[in-house]
Amino acid sequence: METVLSLAKALSDEGRLRVLLVLRQQELCVCQITALLQLATPTVSRHMAVLQQAGLVTSRKAGRWVFYRLAEVAPESAEGRALSWVFTVLNEDATTQRDSQQMCCILACDPEELCRQQRN
């Protein structure tokens, strides 16, 4: 029951769903996710904590940077089935397509510069 509740909470927010969809492509740092969602860094960090608690993403720290990627989950696990469902249902969604285009611009920016802009 706990797993299902945790997954339901993680998938019940548009921003968290958007993050999952862009993490399909590559690992991202918090500043890149913040730039995509246009939210405050502490808000993004809370969203990422919910996704991590649900077992959908993992993080690694490199100096002062925190990077997130999709968790490696078994396809038949609850987490694997949840991710598969989200990716299938939202693959052609207009927001997903916009986010994919926006990520091209975000990835072209230096992450240090993104962080500097977000602090100001």
C-alpha atoms as a PDB file:
ATOM      1  CA  MET A   1       0.000   0.000   0.000  1.00  0.00           C
ATOM      2  CA  GLU A   2       2.837   2.438   0.875  1.00  0.00           C
ATOM      3  CA  THR A   3       4.383   2.074  -2.578  1.00  0.00           C
ATOM      4  CA  VAL A   4       1.118   2.856  -4.330  1.00  0.00           C
ATOM      5  CA  LEU A   5       0.458   5.886  -2.130  1.00  0.00           C
ATOM      6  CA  SER A   6       3.977   7.181  -2.698  1.00  0.00           C
ATOM      7  CA  LEU A   7       3.652   6.724  -6.469  1.00  0.00           C
ATOM      8  CA  ALA A   8       0.212   8.358  -6.523  1.00  0.00           C
ATOM      9  CA  LYS A   9       1.581  11.384  -4.675  1.00  0.00           C
ATOM     10  CA  ALA A  10       4.590  11.611  -7.001  1.00  0.00           C
ATOM     11  CA  LEU A  11       2.434  11.435 -10.131  1.00  0.00           C
ATOM     12  CA  SER A  12      -0.224  13.862  -8.904  1.00  0.00           C
ATOM     13  CA  ASP A  13       1.639  17.031  -9.856  1.00  0.00           C
ATOM     14  CA  GLU A  14       2.124  18.415 -13.380  1.00  0.00           C
ATOM     15  CA  GLY A  15       5.621  19.686 -12.627  1.00  0.00           C
ATOM     16  CA  ARG A  16       6.774  16.300 -11.354  1.00  0.00           C
ATOM     17  CA  LEU A  17       5.351  14.599 -14.438  1.00  0.00           C
ATOM     18  CA  ARG A  18       7.160  17.097 -16.659  1.00  0.00           C
ATOM     19  CA  VAL A  19      10.433  16.354 -14.878  1.00  0.00           C
ATOM     20  CA  LEU A  20      10.017  12.616 -15.332  1.00  0.00           C
ATOM     21  CA  LEU A  21       9.431  13.103 -19.044  1.00  0.00           C
ATOM     22  CA  VAL A  22      12.557  15.221 -19.604  1.00  0.00           C
ATOM     23  CA  LEU A  23      14.694  12.906 -17.481  1.00  0.00           C
ATOM     24  CA  ARG A  24      14.031  10.174 -20.063  1.00  0.00           C
ATOM     25  CA  GLN A  25      16.623  11.871 -22.246  1.00  0.00           C
ATOM     26  CA  GLN A  26      19.439  12.528 -19.764  1.00  0.00           C
ATOM     27  CA  GLU A  27      20.515  13.410 -16.272  1.00  0.00           C
ATOM     28  CA  LEU A  28      19.826  17.037 -15.312  1.00  0.00           C
ATOM     29  CA  CYS A  29      21.058  19.339 -12.568  1.00  0.00           C
ATOM     30  CA  VAL A  30      18.655  21.198 -10.313  1.00  0.00           C
ATOM     31  CA  CYS A  31      19.302  24.505 -12.092  1.00  0.00           C
ATOM     32  CA  GLN A  32      18.249  22.988 -15.432  1.00  0.00           C
ATOM     33  CA  ILE A  33      15.060  21.576 -13.904  1.00  0.00           C
ATOM     34  CA  THR A  34      14.404  24.934 -12.243  1.00  0.00           C
ATOM     35  CA  ALA A  35      14.798  26.693 -15.594  1.00  0.00           C
ATOM     36  CA  LEU A  36      12.326  24.310 -17.225  1.00  0.00           C
ATOM     37  CA  LEU A  37       9.649  24.547 -14.549  1.00  0.00           C
ATOM     38  CA  GLN A  38      10.176  28.253 -13.816  1.00  0.00           C
ATOM     39  CA  LEU A  39       9.845  27.604 -10.084  1.00  0.00           C
ATOM     40  CA  ALA A  40      11.979  28.564  -7.107  1.00  0.00           C
ATOM     41  CA  THR A  41      14.870  26.224  -6.384  1.00  0.00           C
ATOM     42  CA  PRO A  42      13.486  25.142  -2.970  1.00  0.00           C
ATOM     43  CA  THR A  43      10.180  24.217  -4.641  1.00  0.00           C
ATOM     44  CA  VAL A  44      11.999  22.154  -7.274  1.00  0.00           C
ATOM     45  CA  SER A  45      14.015  20.450  -4.536  1.00  0.00           C
ATOM     46  CA  ARG A  46      10.797  19.472  -2.731  1.00  0.00           C
ATOM     47  CA  HIS A  47       9.366  18.064  -5.964  1.00  0.00           C
ATOM     48  CA  MET A  48      12.541  16.070  -6.532  1.00  0.00           C
ATOM     49  CA  ALA A  49      12.415  14.720  -2.962  1.00  0.00           C
ATOM     50  CA  VAL A  50       8.872  13.424  -3.599  1.00  0.00           C
ATOM     51  CA  LEU A  51      10.008  11.709  -6.812  1.00  0.00           C
ATOM     52  CA  GLN A  52      13.038  10.250  -5.058  1.00  0.00           C
ATOM     53  CA  GLN A  53      10.962   8.977  -2.132  1.00  0.00           C
ATOM     54  CA  ALA A  54       8.684   7.222  -4.645  1.00  0.00           C
ATOM     55  CA  GLY A  55      11.709   5.492  -6.140  1.00  0.00           C
ATOM     56  CA  LEU A  56      11.299   7.148  -9.533  1.00  0.00           C
ATOM     57  CA  VAL A  57      14.506   9.201  -9.582  1.00  0.00           C
ATOM     58  CA  THR A  58      17.954   9.048  -8.038  1.00  0.00           C
ATOM     59  CA  SER A  59      20.404  11.827  -7.353  1.00  0.00           C
ATOM     60  CA  ARG A  60      24.122  12.284  -7.162  1.00  0.00           C
ATOM     61  CA  LYS A  61      26.127  15.153  -5.840  1.00  0.00           C
ATOM     62  CA  ALA A  62      29.161  16.527  -7.659  1.00  0.00           C
ATOM     63  CA  GLY A  63      30.639  19.381  -5.670  1.00  0.00           C
ATOM     64  CA  ARG A  64      27.865  21.891  -5.162  1.00  0.00           C
ATOM     65  CA  TRP A  65      25.797  20.432  -7.990  1.00  0.00           C
ATOM     66  CA  VAL A  66      22.981  17.919  -7.543  1.00  0.00           C
ATOM     67  CA  PHE A  67      22.075  15.838 -10.585  1.00  0.00           C
ATOM     68  CA  TYR A  68      18.923  13.775 -11.028  1.00  0.00           C
ATOM     69  CA  ARG A  69      18.174  10.871 -13.352  1.00  0.00           C
ATOM     70  CA  LEU A  70      15.463   8.274 -13.669  1.00  0.00           C
ATOM     71  CA  ALA A  71      15.903   5.407 -11.251  1.00  0.00           C
ATOM     72  CA  GLU A  72      16.805   2.042 -12.699  1.00  0.00           C
ATOM     73  CA  VAL A  73      13.689   0.042 -11.897  1.00  0.00           C
ATOM     74  CA  ALA A  74      12.519  -3.349 -13.032  1.00  0.00           C
ATOM     75  CA  PRO A  75       9.865  -2.986 -15.765  1.00  0.00           C
ATOM     76  CA  GLU A  76       7.498  -5.288 -13.876  1.00  0.00           C
ATOM     77  CA  SER A  77       7.820  -3.353 -10.591  1.00  0.00           C
ATOM     78  CA  ALA A  78       5.164  -0.845  -9.546  1.00  0.00           C
ATOM     79  CA  GLU A  79       7.631   1.972 -10.263  1.00  0.00           C
ATOM     80  CA  GLY A  80       8.499   0.555 -13.684  1.00  0.00           C
ATOM     81  CA  ARG A  81       4.863   0.144 -14.658  1.00  0.00           C
ATOM     82  CA  ALA A  82       4.059   3.671 -13.424  1.00  0.00           C
ATOM     83  CA  LEU A  83       6.874   5.184 -15.496  1.00  0.00           C
ATOM     84  CA  SER A  84       5.877   3.186 -18.567  1.00  0.00           C
ATOM     85  CA  TRP A  85       2.283   4.359 -18.224  1.00  0.00           C
ATOM     86  CA  VAL A  86       3.306   8.024 -17.831  1.00  0.00           C
ATOM     87  CA  PHE A  87       5.647   7.865 -20.826  1.00  0.00           C
ATOM     88  CA  THR A  88       3.044   6.166 -23.016  1.00  0.00           C
ATOM     89  CA  VAL A  89       0.150   8.432 -22.090  1.00  0.00           C
ATOM     90  CA  LEU A  90       2.046  11.733 -22.182  1.00  0.00           C
ATOM     91  CA  ASN A  91       4.495  11.097 -25.025  1.00  0.00           C
ATOM     92  CA  GLU A  92       2.490  13.125 -27.555  1.00  0.00           C
ATOM     93  CA  ASP A  93       1.167  15.714 -25.077  1.00  0.00           C
ATOM     94  CA  ALA A  94       1.596  19.351 -26.154  1.00  0.00           C
ATOM     95  CA  THR A  95       3.346  20.297 -22.899  1.00  0.00           C
ATOM     96  CA  THR A  96       5.741  17.377 -23.319  1.00  0.00           C
ATOM     97  CA  GLN A  97       6.583  18.565 -26.831  1.00  0.00           C
ATOM     98  CA  ARG A  98       7.127  22.179 -25.649  1.00  0.00           C
ATOM     99  CA  ASP A  99       9.313  20.999 -22.784  1.00  0.00           C
ATOM    100  CA  SER A 100      11.402  18.932 -25.174  1.00  0.00           C
ATOM    101  CA  GLN A 101      12.004  21.988 -27.371  1.00  0.00           C
ATOM    102  CA  GLN A 102      12.719  24.176 -24.353  1.00  0.00           C
ATOM    103  CA  MET A 103      15.243  21.644 -23.023  1.00  0.00           C
ATOM    104  CA  CYS A 104      17.308  22.137 -26.182  1.00  0.00           C
ATOM    105  CA  CYS A 105      17.724  25.824 -25.239  1.00  0.00           C
ATOM    106  CA  ILE A 106      18.329  25.054 -21.573  1.00  0.00           C
ATOM    107  CA  LEU A 107      20.973  22.440 -22.370  1.00  0.00           C
ATOM    108  CA  ALA A 108      22.731  24.923 -24.645  1.00  0.00           C
ATOM    109  CA  CYS A 109      23.259  27.234 -21.643  1.00  0.00           C
ATOM    110  CA  ASP A 110      26.146  26.877 -19.247  1.00  0.00           C
ATOM    111  CA  PRO A 111      24.765  25.421 -15.978  1.00  0.00           C
ATOM    112  CA  GLU A 112      26.882  27.861 -13.952  1.00  0.00           C
ATOM    113  CA  GLU A 113      25.255  30.762 -15.804  1.00  0.00           C
ATOM    114  CA  LEU A 114      21.786  29.291 -15.209  1.00  0.00           C
ATOM    115  CA  CYS A 115      22.523  29.108 -11.485  1.00  0.00           C
ATOM    116  CA  ARG A 116      23.821  32.675 -11.441  1.00  0.00           C
ATOM    117  CA  GLN A 117      20.660  33.919 -13.183  1.00  0.00           C
ATOM    118  CA  GLN A 118      18.431  32.004 -10.775  1.00  0.00           C
ATOM    119  CA  ARG A 119      20.171  33.475  -7.726  1.00  0.00           C
ATOM    120  CA  ASN A 120      19.543  37.027  -8.984  1.00  0.00           C
END
